[in-house]
C-alpha atoms as a PDB file:
ATOM      1  CA  MET A   1       7.082   7.650   4.046  1.00  0.00           C
ATOM      2  CA  VAL A   2       5.387   4.320   4.542  1.00  0.00           C
ATOM      3  CA  ASN A   3       7.128   1.699   6.657  1.00  0.00           C
ATOM      4  CA  ALA A   4       7.018  -1.144   4.124  1.00  0.00           C
ATOM      5  CA  LEU A   5       8.330  -3.616   6.698  1.00  0.00           C
ATOM      6  CA  LYS A   6       5.047  -3.340   8.577  1.00  0.00           C
ATOM      7  CA  ILE A   7       3.184  -4.412   5.460  1.00  0.00           C
ATOM      8  CA  THR A   8       5.540  -7.344   4.997  1.00  0.00           C
ATOM      9  CA  GLU A   9       5.094  -8.328   8.661  1.00  0.00           C
ATOM     10  CA  LEU A  10       1.320  -8.397   8.330  1.00  0.00           C
ATOM     11  CA  ILE A  11       1.527 -10.462   5.150  1.00  0.00           C
ATOM     12  CA  VAL A  12       3.802 -12.976   6.869  1.00  0.00           C
ATOM     13  CA  LEU A  13       1.711 -13.060  10.057  1.00  0.00           C
ATOM     14  CA  GLY A  14      -1.396 -13.578   7.964  1.00  0.00           C
ATOM     15  CA  ASN A  15       0.275 -16.523   6.252  1.00  0.00           C
ATOM     16  CA  ILE A  16      -0.761 -15.285   2.820  1.00  0.00           C
ATOM     17  CA  THR A  17       1.131 -14.992  -0.400  1.00  0.00           C
ATOM     18  CA  ILE A  18       1.911 -11.650  -1.973  1.00  0.00           C
ATOM     19  CA  LYS A  19      -0.109 -12.774  -4.977  1.00  0.00           C
ATOM     20  CA  LYS A  20      -3.229 -13.357  -2.810  1.00  0.00           C
ATOM     21  CA  PHE A  21      -2.635 -10.095  -0.987  1.00  0.00           C
ATOM     22  CA  LEU A  22      -2.480  -8.192  -4.270  1.00  0.00           C
ATOM     23  CA  GLU A  23      -5.567  -9.971  -5.619  1.00  0.00           C
ATOM     24  CA  LYS A  24      -7.615  -9.207  -2.504  1.00  0.00           C
ATOM     25  CA  THR A  25      -6.540  -5.563  -2.272  1.00  0.00           C
ATOM     26  CA  GLY A  26      -6.609  -4.838  -5.988  1.00  0.00           C
ATOM     27  CA  ILE A  27      -3.099  -3.380  -5.853  1.00  0.00           C
ATOM     28  CA  SER A  28      -0.898  -3.964  -8.898  1.00  0.00           C
ATOM     29  CA  LYS A  29       2.452  -5.739  -8.661  1.00  0.00           C
ATOM     30  CA  GLN A  30       4.216  -2.627  -9.889  1.00  0.00           C
ATOM     31  CA  THR A  31       2.570  -0.430  -7.258  1.00  0.00           C
ATOM     32  CA  TYR A  32       3.438  -2.964  -4.553  1.00  0.00           C
ATOM     33  CA  TYR A  33       7.096  -3.265  -5.593  1.00  0.00           C
ATOM     34  CA  ASN A  34       7.448   0.514  -5.900  1.00  0.00           C
ATOM     35  CA  LEU A  35       6.030   0.869  -2.395  1.00  0.00           C
ATOM     36  CA  MET A  36       8.413  -1.742  -1.015  1.00  0.00           C
ATOM     37  CA  LYS A  37      11.396  -0.068  -2.699  1.00  0.00           C
ATOM     38  CA  SER A  38      10.665   3.599  -2.073  1.00  0.00           C
ATOM     39  CA  GLY A  39       8.209   3.666   0.809  1.00  0.00           C
ATOM     40  CA  LYS A  40       5.998   5.945  -1.252  1.00  0.00           C
ATOM     41  CA  ALA A  41       2.375   5.288  -2.161  1.00  0.00           C
ATOM     42  CA  ASN A  42      -0.773   7.236  -2.748  1.00  0.00           C
ATOM     43  CA  VAL A  43      -3.476   7.479  -0.113  1.00  0.00           C
ATOM     44  CA  THR A  44      -5.784   5.081  -1.951  1.00  0.00           C
ATOM     45  CA  THR A  45      -3.165   2.324  -1.918  1.00  0.00           C
ATOM     46  CA  ILE A  46      -2.427   2.766   1.776  1.00  0.00           C
ATOM     47  CA  GLU A  47      -6.140   2.874   2.512  1.00  0.00           C
ATOM     48  CA  LYS A  48      -6.672  -0.440   0.691  1.00  0.00           C
ATOM     49  CA  ILE A  49      -3.864  -2.045   2.677  1.00  0.00           C
ATOM     50  CA  ALA A  50      -5.106  -0.636   5.992  1.00  0.00           C
ATOM     51  CA  ASP A  51      -8.649  -1.808   5.242  1.00  0.00           C
ATOM     52  CA  PHE A  52      -7.432  -5.278   4.305  1.00  0.00           C
ATOM     53  CA  PHE A  53      -5.544  -5.701   7.580  1.00  0.00           C
ATOM     54  CA  ASN A  54      -8.112  -3.737   9.584  1.00  0.00           C
ATOM     55  CA  VAL A  55      -5.543  -1.303  10.978  1.00  0.00           C
ATOM     56  CA  PRO A  56      -5.500   2.504  11.029  1.00  0.00           C
ATOM     57  CA  ILE A  57      -3.565   4.167   8.226  1.00  0.00           C
ATOM     58  CA  ASP A  58      -1.221   5.676  10.845  1.00  0.00           C
ATOM     59  CA  TYR A  59       0.055   2.168  11.585  1.00  0.00           C
ATOM     60  CA  PHE A  60       2.191   2.279   8.434  1.00  0.00           C
ATOM     61  CA  PHE A  61       3.802   5.644   9.205  1.00  0.00           C
ATOM     62  CA  ASN A  62       5.815   4.827  12.352  1.00  0.00           C
ATOM     63  CA  ARG A  63       3.506   6.823  14.553  1.00  0.00           C
ATOM     64  CA  ASN A  64       2.771   5.597  18.031  1.00  0.00           C
ATOM     65  CA  THR A  65      -0.645   4.254  17.179  1.00  0.00           C
ATOM     66  CA  PRO A  66      -1.560   1.584  19.721  1.00  0.00           C
ATOM     67  CA  ILE A  67      -2.813  -1.595  18.118  1.00  0.00           C
ATOM     68  CA  SER A  68      -4.141  -4.269  20.386  1.00  0.00           C
ATOM     69  CA  CYS A  69      -5.336  -6.631  17.711  1.00  0.00           C
ATOM     70  CA  VAL A  70      -4.726  -6.696  13.987  1.00  0.00           C
ATOM     71  CA  LYS A  71      -7.098  -8.604  11.786  1.00  0.00           C
ATOM     72  CA  VAL A  72      -5.475 -10.300   8.815  1.00  0.00           C
ATOM     73  CA  TYR A  73      -6.792 -12.526   6.112  1.00  0.00           C
ATOM     74  CA  GLY A  74      -5.310 -15.735   4.872  1.00  0.00           C
ATOM     75  CA  LYS A  75      -4.354 -19.298   5.717  1.00  0.00           C
ATOM     76  CA  GLY A  76      -1.978 -20.810   3.218  1.00  0.00           C
ATOM     77  CA  HIS A  77      -3.729 -21.128  -0.108  1.00  0.00           C
ATOM     78  CA  ARG A  78      -7.190 -20.336   1.291  1.00  0.00           C
ATOM     79  CA  VAL A  79      -8.088 -16.786   2.192  1.00  0.00           C
ATOM     80  CA  GLN A  80     -10.198 -16.406   5.292  1.00  0.00           C
ATOM     81  CA  SER A  81     -10.322 -14.082   8.250  1.00  0.00           C
ATOM     82  CA  GLY A  82      -8.279 -14.631  11.362  1.00  0.00           C
ATOM     83  CA  ASN A  83      -6.806 -12.659  14.203  1.00  0.00           C
ATOM     84  CA  VAL A  84      -3.183 -11.990  14.995  1.00  0.00           C
ATOM     85  CA  ASN A  85      -2.438 -10.251  18.244  1.00  0.00           C
ATOM     86  CA  ILE A  86       0.332  -7.743  17.975  1.00  0.00           C
ATOM     87  CA  MET A  87       1.095  -6.388  21.395  1.00  0.00           C
ATOM     88  CA  VAL A  88       4.052  -4.145  21.888  1.00  0.00           C
ATOM     89  CA  GLU A  89       3.374  -4.347  25.602  1.00  0.00           C
ATOM     90  CA  GLN A  90       3.811  -8.118  25.482  1.00  0.00           C
ATOM     91  CA  GLU A  91       7.382  -7.719  24.303  1.00  0.00           C
ATOM     92  CA  LYS A  92       8.095  -5.341  27.178  1.00  0.00           C
ATOM     93  CA  GLU A  93       6.510  -7.762  29.630  1.00  0.00           C
ATOM     94  CA  ILE A  94       8.594 -10.653  28.282  1.00  0.00           C
ATOM     95  CA  GLU A  95      11.790  -8.642  28.706  1.00  0.00           C
ATOM     96  CA  HIS A  96      10.768  -7.738  32.250  1.00  0.00           C
ATOM     97  CA  LEU A  97      10.063 -11.385  33.094  1.00  0.00           C
ATOM     98  CA  LYS A  98      13.436 -12.424  31.660  1.00  0.00           C
ATOM     99  CA  MET A  99      15.148  -9.899  33.902  1.00  0.00           C
ATOM    100  CA  LEU A 100      13.244 -11.172  36.934  1.00  0.00           C
ATOM    101  CA  LEU A 101      14.204 -14.734  36.097  1.00  0.00           C
ATOM    102  CA  GLU A 102      17.877 -13.796  35.799  1.00  0.00           C
ATOM    103  CA  GLU A 103      17.707 -12.024  39.161  1.00  0.00           C
ATOM    104  CA  LYS A 104      16.067 -15.067  40.737  1.00  0.00           C
ATOM    105  CA  GLU A 105      18.787 -17.348  39.358  1.00  0.00           C
ATOM    106  CA  ARG A 106      21.501 -15.030  40.724  1.00  0.00           C
ATOM    107  CA  THR A 107      19.845 -15.032  44.148  1.00  0.00           C
ATOM    108  CA  ILE A 108      19.599 -18.830  44.190  1.00  0.00           C
ATOM    109  CA  LYS A 109      23.273 -19.122  43.227  1.00  0.00           C
ATOM    110  CA  ILE A 110      24.301 -16.725  45.991  1.00  0.00           C
ATOM    111  CA  LEU A 111      22.254 -18.636  48.562  1.00  0.00           C
ATOM    112  CA  LEU A 112      23.645 -21.978  47.426  1.00  0.00           C
ATOM    113  CA  ASP A 113      27.211 -20.669  47.539  1.00  0.00           C
ATOM    114  CA  LYS A 114      26.603 -19.186  50.975  1.00  0.00           C
ATOM    115  CA  ASN A 115      25.336 -22.512  52.365  1.00  0.00           C
ATOM    116  CA  LYS A 116      28.238 -24.587  51.050  1.00  0.00           C
ATOM    117  CA  PRO A 117      30.450 -26.052  53.786  1.00  0.00           C
END
């Protein structure tokens, strides 16, 4: 089954409307809404979506396909190309940095408490 949330994410990140997305991909409203509801679509539909966002088809099937950069199209009411970086590793790095910061704050507190008269 297709992970429809990934399609929605790319549409939002691309700052495009569903209407523009459907126009540019040639996918019908009915096909789109069926896909969003059931997670089922034919290969041609998924291929059109993958081509539009410049991602591998596997991206929509919850496989561990690494994607360093996803190309999306759209800026408000004008459709143009643009890049959106989607880095899973960035999220891991952010979490790691948060943990380091918390540890640093704990250490500072301990040192301050230790040096109190």
